[in-house]
């Protein structure tokens, strides 16, 4: 569908907003005062709500997944999940408030920029054709780093902990601004980012480098910077709604809430000091959305309910203590952390009773909508309660310019992504993230390109990228990527190659004493060869306390861009300036800190 055709189809929405936006010029002598932005918003919201049925209102409370990559192309899994074959028909049947995009094998919505833009336009067209004339939230999880849904040619940045290592909050703001602008060019108007969790547990299986820091003040500074980057970087129709997650704080979890229900033994005072500050900072920065966590806090809420379903957490703590007035969205209602205690039919009702406004990824959308309708009919919920959430949803859509500009220019989509300026900014930011933890014997920086280099470790992408960088400097680099849990045969093959090399660089990823323990064995055996060994923790910096390589670096990211920055640091082209955003405790003694918060060597 061409751009002008899309505009014609959305004329009722465009004309309504244009009329409001031009009110200062159209004022008559009887109405000489120009309307403020807030007055225009409230006028539209009031008019819209008055024309909605109860089921229309309830439908806006849901943000759903969908199958396929084109609005009008059938996908068999849509029939199974929604009893409709195309994404457009799903939107017209259920009239949800939003859609979430994924890039995984199950729900693969993302291919290339033009496809994403066309898909977004098709879904918005379907939403506007329902008669409500309310555009969709179109969301994704583009946290950057290890949680990235839209890959190249979109500009790729390292994740939160990496950016925080650079200790420049403006880097966080710039990365968010570019990411938000590029997402909006694809028709995506909500980013479920940044992660505002304070990673206080080094063994956290699901947050880790998604967090900025274990220090509440550092995390707060960088969260606020990213909120402003996502939401306040120019024209609101070219920005995205930012979403701080996962309230009240997932950073001390020892269980992944995708597969279980984490129990966090925080006291109220500990929560106020450790976990609450980044969410307060997000609220003060004017964030559009806050996402809930599926965790238990037994010392704060003895009910045992997951926070997503807890009135103590969502109303008493988030609304009343933090003072947040914006939109609260649940984490996915498909996750085991929230389904473990209640049937699917109860989850949306309990979440709304707790204080949530929007419900993400109900397992059975039809059942979920009907459950809310039933709860209103029998008095567990009221229409007034539904209206509270609906008003927050509509105001957010108006403020973010989604009503004004629901469609994007498909011809411009690809040209808006990965521009030279954006890529140069990403490179500068990534160069500042590399942290040198150890440099025994001043092995680094390299004084000359080694003749033969072995690049090994976890991941085909990072090992290949680093090998390419060595080759570009004149070395002959051999690449031997391994699995996260290498076998003894894998280790023997790598060690044999190391014996024929002048330098060994080994990349680790999420190595602990119990998980992926053979990565430690690999590093130990490489060190035993007496060859110069440089180890690089490409995800969790905690890896550096599990094996004693003479040189240790941390990148917090396994991306190709991070490996290019590693090469610059190794060859002395840029000085390492990264500082640890978390302390690194000894592998077998959490009370002993090997590398403190803020540690980082340079040259």
Protein backbone atom coordinates (compact mmCIF):
# COMPACT_ATOMS: atom_id res chain seq x y z
CA UNK A 1 0.00 0.00 0.00
CA UNK A 2 1.46 3.35 -1.02
CA UNK A 3 1.86 6.24 1.40
CA UNK A 4 -0.90 8.44 -0.10
CA UNK A 5 -3.39 5.56 -0.02
CA UNK A 6 -2.68 5.01 3.66
CA UNK A 7 -3.25 8.69 4.38
CA UNK A 8 -6.60 8.65 2.57
CA UNK A 9 -7.75 5.62 4.57
CA UNK A 10 -6.92 7.35 7.86
CA UNK A 11 -8.52 10.71 7.04
CA UNK A 12 -11.14 10.54 9.85
CA UNK A 13 -8.39 10.28 12.46
CA UNK A 14 -6.07 12.75 10.75
CA UNK A 15 -8.81 15.37 10.28
CA UNK A 16 -9.97 15.11 13.87
CA UNK A 17 -6.48 15.66 15.25
CA UNK A 18 -5.62 18.28 12.64
CA UNK A 19 -8.72 20.24 13.64
CA UNK A 20 -7.72 20.12 17.29
CA UNK A 21 -4.11 20.95 16.50
CA UNK A 22 -5.18 24.00 14.50
CA UNK A 23 -7.62 25.26 17.11
CA UNK A 24 -5.56 28.37 17.83
CA UNK A 25 -6.05 29.52 14.23
CA UNK A 26 -9.68 28.50 14.00
CA UNK A 27 -10.86 30.18 17.23
CA UNK A 28 -13.92 32.33 16.77
CA UNK A 29 -14.66 35.54 18.72
CA UNK A 30 -16.85 33.39 20.99
CA UNK A 31 -13.84 31.18 21.82
CA UNK A 32 -10.80 33.45 21.74
CA UNK A 33 -8.49 31.33 23.91
CA UNK A 34 -6.39 28.71 22.12
CA UNK A 35 -6.75 25.24 23.55
CA UNK A 36 -3.78 23.80 25.38
CA UNK A 37 -2.35 20.42 24.48
CA UNK A 38 -3.97 18.95 27.58
CA UNK A 39 -7.36 20.42 26.68
CA UNK A 40 -7.13 18.99 23.16
CA UNK A 41 -6.17 15.61 24.58
CA UNK A 42 -8.99 15.55 27.10
CA UNK A 43 -11.50 16.64 24.47
CA UNK A 44 -10.51 13.76 22.19
CA UNK A 45 -10.41 11.25 25.03
CA UNK A 46 -13.83 12.29 26.31
CA UNK A 47 -15.40 12.13 22.85
CA UNK A 48 -13.81 8.77 22.14
CA UNK A 49 -14.83 7.15 25.42
CA UNK A 50 -18.42 8.35 25.07
CA UNK A 51 -18.73 6.46 21.79
CA UNK A 52 -17.32 3.15 23.06
CA UNK A 53 -19.24 0.11 24.17
CA UNK A 54 -18.17 -1.73 27.30
CA UNK A 55 -16.57 -4.46 25.19
CA UNK A 56 -14.73 -1.79 23.17
CA UNK A 57 -13.29 -0.47 26.42
CA UNK A 58 -12.25 -3.89 27.68
CA UNK A 59 -10.59 -4.77 24.38
CA UNK A 60 -8.27 -1.76 24.68
CA UNK A 61 -6.83 -3.25 27.88
CA UNK A 62 -5.07 -6.05 25.97
CA UNK A 63 -1.78 -6.14 24.08
CA UNK A 64 -1.47 -9.42 22.21
CA UNK A 65 1.07 -11.40 20.25
CA UNK A 66 0.21 -12.34 16.69
CA UNK A 67 1.53 -14.75 14.06
CA UNK A 68 2.93 -13.79 10.67
CA UNK A 69 4.76 -10.98 8.92
CA UNK A 70 1.98 -9.40 6.85
CA UNK A 71 -1.40 -8.11 7.92
CA UNK A 72 -3.40 -9.78 5.16
CA UNK A 73 -1.51 -13.07 4.82
CA UNK A 74 -2.97 -16.10 6.54
CA UNK A 75 -0.99 -17.98 9.19
CA UNK A 76 -2.30 -21.30 10.52
CA UNK A 77 -1.31 -20.54 14.11
CA UNK A 78 -3.61 -17.51 14.13
CA UNK A 79 -6.54 -19.85 13.50
CA UNK A 80 -5.44 -22.03 16.39
CA UNK A 81 -4.97 -19.12 18.79
CA UNK A 82 -7.57 -16.61 17.64
CA UNK A 83 -9.98 -18.42 15.28
CA UNK A 84 -8.98 -16.00 12.50
CA UNK A 85 -6.37 -16.61 9.83
CA UNK A 86 -4.75 -13.23 9.13
CA UNK A 87 -3.33 -10.71 11.60
CA UNK A 88 -5.70 -8.05 10.24
CA UNK A 89 -8.72 -10.23 10.95
CA UNK A 90 -7.44 -10.88 14.48
CA UNK A 91 -7.23 -7.11 15.05
CA UNK A 92 -10.72 -6.54 13.65
CA UNK A 93 -12.24 -9.35 15.69
CA UNK A 94 -10.68 -8.56 19.08
CA UNK A 95 -9.91 -4.82 18.67
CA UNK A 96 -6.91 -4.99 21.06
CA UNK A 97 -5.16 -1.94 22.40
CA UNK A 98 -1.86 -3.16 21.07
CA UNK A 99 0.31 -5.77 19.34
CA UNK A 100 3.77 -6.99 20.33
CA UNK A 101 6.35 -8.05 17.74
CA UNK A 102 8.81 -10.92 18.16
CA UNK A 103 11.68 -12.25 16.08
CA UNK A 104 11.75 -15.81 17.38
CA UNK A 105 10.89 -19.06 15.62
CA UNK A 106 7.46 -19.26 17.23
CA UNK A 107 6.16 -15.76 16.49
CA UNK A 108 8.40 -14.44 13.78
CA UNK A 109 7.01 -11.00 12.93
CA UNK A 110 10.26 -9.37 11.85
CA UNK A 111 12.20 -9.70 8.61
CA UNK A 112 13.36 -6.44 7.04
CA UNK A 113 12.54 -2.72 7.40
CA UNK A 114 10.06 -2.46 4.54
CA UNK A 115 8.25 -5.61 5.70
CA UNK A 116 8.00 -4.33 9.29
CA UNK A 117 6.74 -0.93 8.16
CA UNK A 118 4.17 -2.50 5.82
CA UNK A 119 3.05 -4.90 8.57
CA UNK A 120 2.63 -2.03 11.03
CA UNK A 121 0.64 -0.03 8.48
CA UNK A 122 -1.59 -3.00 7.73
CA UNK A 123 -2.34 -3.60 11.40
CA UNK A 124 -3.07 0.09 11.99
CA UNK A 125 -5.35 0.13 8.97
CA UNK A 126 -7.25 -2.84 10.40
CA UNK A 127 -7.55 -1.13 13.79
CA UNK A 128 -8.93 2.06 12.26
CA UNK A 129 -11.41 0.10 10.18
CA UNK A 130 -13.06 -1.36 13.30
CA UNK A 131 -15.06 1.83 13.72
CA UNK A 132 -13.36 2.94 16.95
CA UNK A 133 -10.70 4.98 15.09
CA UNK A 134 -8.15 4.21 17.82
CA UNK A 135 -4.69 3.30 16.53
CA UNK A 136 -2.72 0.48 18.09
CA UNK A 137 0.21 0.45 20.38
CA UNK A 138 2.77 -1.57 18.39
CA UNK A 139 5.46 -2.73 20.77
CA UNK A 140 8.63 -4.75 20.91
CA UNK A 141 11.51 -5.50 23.30
CA UNK A 142 14.42 -3.53 21.87
CA UNK A 143 16.43 -3.21 25.07
CA UNK A 144 19.64 -3.33 23.01
CA UNK A 145 22.32 -5.85 23.85
CA UNK A 146 21.19 -9.42 24.50
CA UNK A 147 17.48 -8.53 24.17
CA UNK A 148 17.16 -7.14 20.65
CA UNK A 149 14.26 -7.91 18.34
CA UNK A 150 15.14 -5.77 15.32
CA UNK A 151 18.61 -6.57 14.00
CA UNK A 152 20.68 -4.92 11.26
CA UNK A 153 20.29 -2.72 9.33
CA UNK A 154 18.86 -1.14 12.51
CA UNK A 155 21.66 0.45 14.52
CA UNK A 156 22.93 -2.04 17.10
CA UNK A 157 24.01 -0.80 20.52
CA UNK A 158 25.49 -2.75 23.42
CA UNK A 159 23.11 -3.35 26.30
CA UNK A 160 22.51 -1.49 29.53
CA UNK A 161 25.41 -2.74 31.65
CA UNK A 162 27.83 -2.11 28.79
CA UNK A 163 26.62 1.45 28.31
CA UNK A 164 26.82 2.08 32.06
CA UNK A 165 30.44 0.84 32.02
CA UNK A 166 31.22 3.90 29.91
CA UNK A 167 29.90 6.07 32.77
CA UNK A 168 28.44 8.61 30.36
CA UNK A 169 24.68 9.02 30.81
CA UNK A 170 24.51 11.01 27.58
CA UNK A 171 25.59 7.82 25.77
CA UNK A 172 22.52 6.11 27.23
CA UNK A 173 20.30 8.97 26.11
CA UNK A 174 21.75 9.03 22.58
CA UNK A 175 21.43 5.26 22.19
CA UNK A 176 17.81 5.39 23.29
CA UNK A 177 17.04 8.36 21.04
CA UNK A 178 18.43 6.63 17.96
CA UNK A 179 16.79 3.32 18.81
CA UNK A 180 13.44 5.01 19.37
CA UNK A 181 13.60 7.02 16.16
CA UNK A 182 14.45 3.93 14.13
CA UNK A 183 11.68 1.88 15.73
CA UNK A 184 9.13 4.62 15.04
CA UNK A 185 10.19 4.67 11.38
CA UNK A 186 9.05 1.02 11.30
CA UNK A 187 5.68 1.81 12.85
CA UNK A 188 6.72 0.55 16.30
CA UNK A 189 5.62 3.14 18.85
CA UNK A 190 6.32 1.39 22.18
CA UNK A 191 9.66 0.01 23.35
CA UNK A 192 9.57 -2.23 26.39
CA UNK A 193 12.81 -0.68 27.63
CA UNK A 194 14.80 0.24 29.62
CA UNK A 195 15.33 -2.50 32.16
CA UNK A 196 15.26 -0.63 35.49
CA UNK A 197 16.22 -3.60 37.66
CA UNK A 198 19.17 -3.25 40.04
CA UNK A 199 21.20 -6.42 39.51
CA UNK A 200 22.13 -7.17 43.10
CA UNK A 201 22.38 -10.96 42.60
CA UNK A 202 25.40 -12.06 40.50
CA UNK A 203 23.66 -15.38 39.84
CA UNK A 204 20.48 -13.78 38.52
CA UNK A 205 19.53 -16.04 35.58
CA UNK A 206 17.35 -13.60 33.64
CA UNK A 207 18.50 -10.00 34.27
CA UNK A 208 22.29 -9.73 34.54
CA UNK A 209 23.65 -7.42 31.86
CA UNK A 210 20.14 -6.22 31.03
CA UNK A 211 20.52 -4.11 34.19
CA UNK A 212 22.58 -0.94 34.19
CA UNK A 213 24.19 -1.57 37.55
CA UNK A 214 24.02 -3.03 41.04
CA UNK A 215 24.28 0.54 42.33
CA UNK A 216 20.83 2.17 42.69
CA UNK A 217 22.14 5.67 42.05
CA UNK A 218 23.97 4.67 38.85
CA UNK A 219 20.99 2.67 37.62
CA UNK A 220 18.66 5.59 38.34
CA UNK A 221 20.83 8.07 36.43
CA UNK A 222 21.00 5.87 33.34
CA UNK A 223 17.33 4.86 33.44
CA UNK A 224 16.27 8.51 33.51
CA UNK A 225 18.64 9.30 30.65
CA UNK A 226 17.13 6.59 28.50
CA UNK A 227 13.57 7.65 29.26
CA UNK A 228 14.41 11.11 27.99
CA UNK A 229 16.15 9.62 24.97
CA UNK A 230 13.22 7.46 23.98
CA UNK A 231 10.48 9.99 24.65
CA UNK A 232 11.86 13.53 24.48
CA UNK A 233 14.18 13.51 21.49
CA UNK A 234 12.27 15.77 19.15
CA UNK A 235 8.90 15.43 17.44
CA UNK A 236 6.65 13.15 19.51
CA UNK A 237 5.48 11.40 16.33
CA UNK A 238 9.08 10.24 15.86
CA UNK A 239 9.62 8.95 19.38
CA UNK A 240 8.40 5.89 21.28
CA UNK A 241 6.81 5.25 24.64
CA UNK A 242 9.43 4.01 27.06
CA UNK A 243 8.68 1.23 29.55
CA UNK A 244 10.64 0.73 32.78
CA UNK A 245 10.68 -2.90 33.86
CA UNK A 246 10.22 -5.01 35.97
CA UNK A 247 8.50 -3.38 38.96
CA UNK A 248 9.06 -3.71 41.91
CA UNK A 249 12.51 -5.01 40.88
CA UNK A 250 13.71 -8.32 39.43
CA UNK A 251 17.40 -7.81 40.16
CA UNK A 252 17.74 -10.07 43.20
CA UNK A 253 15.94 -13.04 41.63
CA UNK A 254 17.56 -16.48 41.59
CA UNK A 255 14.82 -17.95 39.36
CA UNK A 256 13.77 -17.07 35.83
CA UNK A 257 10.13 -15.90 35.97
CA UNK A 258 9.57 -17.31 32.50
CA UNK A 259 9.81 -20.79 34.00
CA UNK A 260 9.11 -20.32 37.72
CA UNK A 261 8.06 -17.85 40.39
CA UNK A 262 11.06 -16.11 41.97
CA UNK A 263 10.92 -15.44 45.70
CA UNK A 264 12.83 -12.32 46.74
CA UNK A 265 13.44 -11.85 50.45
CA UNK A 266 13.59 -8.06 50.45
CA UNK A 267 12.34 -6.10 53.44
CA UNK A 268 10.42 -2.91 52.74
CA UNK A 269 13.41 -0.83 53.79
CA UNK A 270 15.76 -2.79 51.52
CA UNK A 271 13.36 -2.38 48.62
CA UNK A 272 13.15 1.36 49.18
CA UNK A 273 16.94 1.68 49.23
CA UNK A 274 17.89 -0.77 46.46
CA UNK A 275 15.10 -1.46 43.99
CA UNK A 276 12.80 1.54 44.12
CA UNK A 277 15.18 4.39 43.08
CA UNK A 278 15.36 3.61 39.32
CA UNK A 279 11.58 3.38 39.12
CA UNK A 280 11.24 6.67 40.98
CA UNK A 281 13.70 8.18 38.52
CA UNK A 282 11.69 6.83 35.59
CA UNK A 283 8.46 8.24 37.02
CA UNK A 284 10.08 11.64 37.61
CA UNK A 285 11.38 11.60 34.04
CA UNK A 286 7.79 11.25 32.80
CA UNK A 287 7.94 7.67 31.56
CA UNK A 288 4.84 6.54 29.67
CA UNK A 289 4.73 2.96 30.99
CA UNK A 290 5.99 0.75 33.80
CA UNK A 291 5.93 -3.06 33.45
CA UNK A 292 5.28 -5.42 36.34
CA UNK A 293 7.38 -8.36 37.53
CA UNK A 294 6.16 -11.88 38.27
CA UNK A 295 7.93 -12.21 41.63
CA UNK A 296 6.95 -12.86 45.24
CA UNK A 297 7.98 -10.51 48.05
CA UNK A 298 6.89 -12.41 51.18
CA UNK A 299 8.40 -9.91 53.63
CA UNK A 300 6.48 -7.06 51.99
CA UNK A 301 3.33 -8.76 50.74
CA UNK A 302 2.43 -11.85 52.78
CA UNK A 303 -0.45 -12.71 50.41
CA UNK A 304 1.97 -14.76 48.33
CA UNK A 305 0.61 -13.32 45.08
CA UNK A 306 3.02 -12.51 42.24
CA UNK A 307 3.62 -8.77 42.14
CA UNK A 308 1.66 -8.52 38.90
CA UNK A 309 -1.43 -9.60 40.84
CA UNK A 310 -0.65 -7.77 44.09
CA UNK A 311 -2.55 -4.66 45.11
CA UNK A 312 0.11 -4.07 47.77
CA UNK A 313 2.74 -3.80 45.02
CA UNK A 314 0.91 -2.11 42.15
CA UNK A 315 -1.34 0.25 44.08
CA UNK A 316 0.24 0.82 47.48
CA UNK A 317 3.88 0.78 46.38
CA UNK A 318 3.84 1.93 42.75
CA UNK A 319 0.93 4.36 42.75
CA UNK A 320 0.98 5.65 46.32
CA UNK A 321 4.65 5.43 47.38
CA UNK A 322 6.46 5.98 44.09
CA UNK A 323 3.73 8.37 42.99
CA UNK A 324 3.52 7.00 39.47
CA UNK A 325 0.49 8.21 37.52
CA UNK A 326 1.18 6.70 34.12
CA UNK A 327 0.24 3.44 32.44
CA UNK A 328 1.02 0.12 34.16
CA UNK A 329 1.36 -2.90 31.88
CA UNK A 330 1.88 -6.46 33.03
CA UNK A 331 4.71 -8.64 31.91
CA UNK A 332 3.54 -11.49 29.69
CA UNK A 333 0.61 -13.41 31.16
CA UNK A 334 1.93 -16.49 29.39
CA UNK A 335 4.92 -16.74 31.72
CA UNK A 336 4.97 -19.49 34.32
CA UNK A 337 5.77 -16.99 37.06
CA UNK A 338 2.24 -15.61 36.90
CA UNK A 339 0.35 -18.75 35.80
CA UNK A 340 1.72 -21.00 38.53
CA UNK A 341 -0.95 -20.04 41.10
CA UNK A 342 -4.06 -19.22 39.05
CA UNK A 343 -5.92 -20.37 35.95
CA UNK A 344 -5.67 -18.21 32.84
CA UNK A 345 -9.26 -16.99 33.20
CA UNK A 346 -8.45 -15.33 36.53
CA UNK A 347 -5.20 -13.58 35.61
CA UNK A 348 -6.55 -10.50 33.80
CA UNK A 349 -9.18 -9.90 36.48
CA UNK A 350 -6.68 -10.20 39.33
CA UNK A 351 -4.19 -7.95 37.56
CA UNK A 352 -6.82 -5.25 37.04
CA UNK A 353 -7.93 -5.53 40.65
CA UNK A 354 -4.30 -5.10 41.71
CA UNK A 355 -3.94 -1.90 39.68
CA UNK A 356 -2.63 -2.87 36.24
CA UNK A 357 -3.94 -0.99 33.21
CA UNK A 358 -2.91 -3.15 30.25
CA UNK A 359 -2.55 -6.90 30.05
CA UNK A 360 0.26 -8.28 27.93
CA UNK A 361 0.03 -11.54 26.00
CA UNK A 362 -2.93 -13.31 27.56
CA UNK A 363 -2.58 -17.00 26.69
CA UNK A 364 -6.13 -17.14 25.32
CA UNK A 365 -7.23 -13.66 24.27
CA UNK A 366 -10.87 -14.58 23.78
CA UNK A 367 -11.05 -16.20 27.21
CA UNK A 368 -9.27 -13.24 28.80
CA UNK A 369 -11.65 -10.64 27.33
CA UNK A 370 -14.67 -12.67 28.34
CA UNK A 371 -13.27 -13.12 31.86
CA UNK A 372 -13.06 -9.36 32.32
CA UNK A 373 -16.59 -8.93 30.95
CA UNK A 374 -17.84 -11.59 33.37
CA UNK A 375 -16.07 -9.91 36.28
CA UNK A 376 -17.83 -6.63 35.46
CA UNK A 377 -21.17 -8.44 35.25
CA UNK A 378 -20.78 -10.09 38.66
CA UNK A 379 -19.33 -7.05 40.41
CA UNK A 380 -15.69 -8.09 40.85
CA UNK A 381 -14.78 -5.21 38.53
CA UNK A 382 -16.71 -2.08 37.64
CA UNK A 383 -16.97 -0.08 34.46
CA UNK A 384 -15.57 2.86 36.41
CA UNK A 385 -12.44 0.80 37.15
CA UNK A 386 -12.13 -0.10 33.45
CA UNK A 387 -12.46 3.57 32.56
CA UNK A 388 -9.53 4.48 34.83
CA UNK A 389 -7.22 2.27 32.81
CA UNK A 390 -8.79 3.17 29.49
CA UNK A 391 -8.16 6.87 30.09
CA UNK A 392 -4.48 6.22 30.78
CA UNK A 393 -4.21 4.17 27.58
CA UNK A 394 -5.92 6.77 25.39
CA UNK A 395 -3.96 9.66 26.89
CA UNK A 396 -0.71 7.83 26.25
CA UNK A 397 -1.64 7.19 22.62
CA UNK A 398 -2.52 10.87 22.19
CA UNK A 399 0.63 12.16 23.93
CA UNK A 400 2.90 9.91 21.89
CA UNK A 401 1.41 11.17 18.62
CA UNK A 402 0.06 7.76 17.63
CA UNK A 403 -3.32 9.29 16.84
CA UNK A 404 -1.70 12.04 14.78
CA UNK A 405 0.56 9.67 12.85
CA UNK A 406 -0.55 6.05 12.94
CA UNK A 407 1.13 5.20 9.62
CA UNK A 408 4.72 5.33 8.43
CA UNK A 409 6.28 5.83 5.02
CA UNK A 410 7.34 2.38 3.83
CA UNK A 411 9.67 3.89 1.21
CA UNK A 412 11.59 5.71 3.95
CA UNK A 413 11.80 2.82 6.43
CA UNK A 414 15.12 1.31 5.37
CA UNK A 415 16.76 4.67 4.75
CA UNK A 416 15.97 5.67 8.33
CA UNK A 417 17.87 2.75 9.85
CA UNK A 418 21.61 2.41 10.36
CA UNK A 419 22.51 5.77 8.88
CA UNK A 420 26.21 6.70 8.83
CA UNK A 421 25.68 9.12 11.72
CA UNK A 422 23.84 6.52 13.77
CA UNK A 423 26.48 3.87 13.14
CA UNK A 424 29.28 6.28 14.03
CA UNK A 425 27.55 7.15 17.29
CA UNK A 426 27.09 3.46 18.11
CA UNK A 427 30.77 2.81 17.45
CA UNK A 428 31.89 5.67 19.71
CA UNK A 429 29.59 4.51 22.50
CA UNK A 430 30.71 0.89 22.19
CA UNK A 431 34.38 1.85 22.30
CA UNK A 432 33.78 3.34 25.75
CA UNK A 433 32.24 0.15 27.15
CA UNK A 434 35.26 -2.19 27.11
CA UNK A 435 36.55 -2.78 30.64
CA UNK A 436 40.02 -4.16 31.38
CA UNK A 437 39.91 -6.07 34.65
CA UNK A 438 43.35 -7.66 34.71
CA UNK A 439 46.60 -7.19 32.80
CA UNK A 440 49.37 -9.21 34.43
CA UNK A 441 52.80 -8.51 33.01
CA UNK A 442 51.38 -5.65 30.96
CA UNK A 443 50.56 -8.03 28.14
CA UNK A 444 48.28 -5.35 26.74
CA UNK A 445 48.15 -3.33 24.64
CA UNK A 446 49.74 -5.43 21.93
CA UNK A 447 52.91 -3.82 20.62
CA UNK A 448 52.59 -5.53 17.24
CA UNK A 449 50.21 -7.83 15.46
CA UNK A 450 50.94 -11.45 16.52
CA UNK A 451 51.73 -13.69 13.56
CA UNK A 452 49.33 -16.48 14.53
CA UNK A 453 46.26 -15.83 16.65
CA UNK A 454 43.65 -18.29 17.89
CA UNK A 455 40.26 -16.78 18.62
CA UNK A 456 38.09 -19.28 20.43
CA UNK A 457 35.22 -19.41 22.87
CA UNK A 458 31.45 -19.17 22.90
CA UNK A 459 29.59 -17.89 19.87
CA UNK A 460 30.14 -17.99 16.13
CA UNK A 461 29.38 -14.28 15.68
CA UNK A 462 31.80 -12.80 18.22
CA UNK A 463 34.65 -15.20 17.46
CA UNK A 464 34.36 -14.52 13.73
CA UNK A 465 34.14 -10.76 14.25
CA UNK A 466 37.23 -10.69 16.44
CA UNK A 467 39.14 -12.94 14.04
CA UNK A 468 38.30 -10.57 11.19
CA UNK A 469 39.66 -7.68 13.23
CA UNK A 470 42.95 -9.48 13.86
CA UNK A 471 43.25 -10.36 10.17
CA UNK A 472 42.68 -6.71 9.30
CA UNK A 473 45.67 -5.84 11.51
CA UNK A 474 47.93 -8.30 9.68
CA UNK A 475 47.66 -11.38 11.88
CA UNK A 476 46.71 -14.83 10.60
CA UNK A 477 43.74 -15.62 12.81
CA UNK A 478 42.16 -19.05 13.29
CA UNK A 479 38.62 -19.26 14.60
CA UNK A 480 37.31 -22.11 16.75
CA UNK A 481 33.89 -21.35 18.18
CA UNK A 482 32.56 -23.65 20.90
CA UNK A 483 29.26 -24.29 22.63
CA UNK A 484 28.49 -22.72 26.01
CA UNK A 485 29.16 -26.13 27.56
CA UNK A 486 32.09 -27.50 25.53
CA UNK A 487 32.88 -31.20 25.64
CA UNK A 488 36.28 -32.56 26.62
CA UNK A 489 36.90 -33.30 22.94
CA UNK A 490 36.09 -29.66 22.07
CA UNK A 491 38.53 -28.48 24.71
CA UNK A 492 41.29 -30.81 23.49
CA UNK A 493 40.91 -29.54 19.92
CA UNK A 494 41.14 -25.91 21.04
CA UNK A 495 44.19 -26.56 23.20
CA UNK A 496 45.92 -28.29 20.29
CA UNK A 497 45.31 -25.23 18.13
CA UNK A 498 46.53 -22.95 20.92
CA UNK A 499 49.88 -24.74 20.99
CA UNK A 500 50.41 -23.63 17.38
CA UNK A 501 49.55 -19.97 18.07
CA UNK A 502 51.39 -16.88 19.27
CA UNK A 503 48.35 -15.42 21.07
CA UNK A 504 45.09 -16.93 22.30
CA UNK A 505 41.92 -14.91 22.84
CA UNK A 506 39.14 -16.87 24.53
CA UNK A 507 35.59 -15.57 24.80
CA UNK A 508 33.46 -16.69 27.76
CA UNK A 509 29.72 -16.37 28.20
CA UNK A 510 27.76 -16.92 31.44
CA UNK A 511 30.31 -19.17 33.09
CA UNK A 512 29.57 -20.21 36.69
CA UNK A 513 30.73 -22.96 39.02
CA UNK A 514 27.70 -25.07 38.10
CA UNK A 515 26.51 -23.86 34.71
CA UNK A 516 28.86 -24.04 31.74
CA UNK A 517 31.66 -25.11 34.08
CA UNK A 518 33.67 -26.55 31.20
CA UNK A 519 34.33 -22.99 30.04
CA UNK A 520 36.51 -22.66 33.15
CA UNK A 521 38.26 -25.91 32.25
CA UNK A 522 38.94 -24.54 28.77
CA UNK A 523 40.44 -21.29 30.09
CA UNK A 524 42.55 -23.16 32.65
CA UNK A 525 43.94 -25.53 30.03
CA UNK A 526 44.69 -22.67 27.64
CA UNK A 527 46.61 -20.86 30.39
CA UNK A 528 48.53 -24.09 31.05
CA UNK A 529 49.92 -24.00 27.49
CA UNK A 530 52.10 -21.03 28.57
CA UNK A 531 50.93 -19.12 25.52
CA UNK A 532 49.78 -15.50 26.08
CA UNK A 533 46.05 -15.74 26.87
CA UNK A 534 43.53 -12.92 26.86
CA UNK A 535 40.11 -13.85 28.22
CA UNK A 536 37.05 -11.76 27.36
CA UNK A 537 33.77 -12.02 29.28
CA UNK A 538 31.28 -11.32 26.51
CA UNK A 539 28.20 -11.34 28.71
CA UNK A 540 28.38 -11.43 32.51
CA UNK A 541 31.54 -9.80 33.86
CA UNK A 542 31.36 -12.23 36.79
CA UNK A 543 33.13 -14.79 34.56
CA UNK A 544 36.44 -13.14 35.39
CA UNK A 545 36.43 -14.53 38.94
CA UNK A 546 36.08 -18.17 37.84
CA UNK A 547 39.34 -18.61 35.92
CA UNK A 548 42.75 -16.99 36.28
CA UNK A 549 43.78 -15.83 32.84
CA UNK A 550 46.65 -13.30 32.87
CA UNK A 551 44.50 -10.73 31.07
CA UNK A 552 40.73 -10.33 31.48
CA UNK A 553 38.41 -7.95 29.66
CA UNK A 554 34.65 -7.49 29.94
CA UNK A 555 32.39 -6.34 27.11
CA UNK A 556 28.94 -7.19 28.59
CA UNK A 557 27.90 -7.97 25.02
CA UNK A 558 28.78 -10.64 22.43
CA UNK A 559 27.92 -8.42 19.46
CA UNK A 560 30.17 -7.93 16.47
CA UNK A 561 30.37 -4.23 17.33
CA UNK A 562 31.66 -5.02 20.81
CA UNK A 563 34.33 -7.31 19.34
CA UNK A 564 35.47 -4.53 17.02
CA UNK A 565 35.88 -2.30 20.06
CA UNK A 566 37.81 -5.05 21.86
CA UNK A 567 40.25 -5.17 18.94
CA UNK A 568 40.75 -1.39 19.12
CA UNK A 569 41.55 -1.69 22.82
CA UNK A 570 43.89 -4.67 22.35
CA UNK A 571 45.90 -2.81 19.73
CA UNK A 572 45.94 0.45 21.68
CA UNK A 573 43.89 2.35 19.11
CA UNK A 574 41.54 3.53 21.84
CA UNK A 575 42.26 3.50 25.57
CA UNK A 576 40.03 1.32 27.74
CA UNK A 577 37.80 3.59 29.82
CA UNK A 578 35.11 1.16 30.98
CA UNK A 579 34.47 0.87 34.72
CA UNK A 580 32.65 -2.04 36.35
CA UNK A 581 28.97 -1.25 36.95
CA UNK A 582 28.85 -4.15 39.45
CA UNK A 583 31.31 -5.58 41.97
CA UNK A 584 32.67 -9.03 41.15
CA UNK A 585 32.68 -11.39 44.15
CA UNK A 586 34.96 -14.39 44.45
CA UNK A 587 33.53 -17.46 42.77
CA UNK A 588 33.33 -19.49 45.97
CA UNK A 589 33.03 -16.66 48.50
CA UNK A 590 30.35 -14.06 47.74
CA UNK A 591 31.48 -11.96 50.71
CA UNK A 592 34.92 -11.39 49.16
CA UNK A 593 35.06 -8.82 46.37
CA UNK A 594 37.77 -9.51 43.80
CA UNK A 595 37.07 -6.51 41.58
CA UNK A 596 35.10 -3.65 43.18
CA UNK A 597 32.41 -1.49 41.62
CA UNK A 598 34.17 1.09 39.44
CA UNK A 599 37.28 -1.02 38.81
CA UNK A 600 38.85 -0.72 35.39
CA UNK A 601 42.43 -0.50 34.13
CA UNK A 602 43.59 1.75 31.34
CA UNK A 603 46.68 2.67 29.35
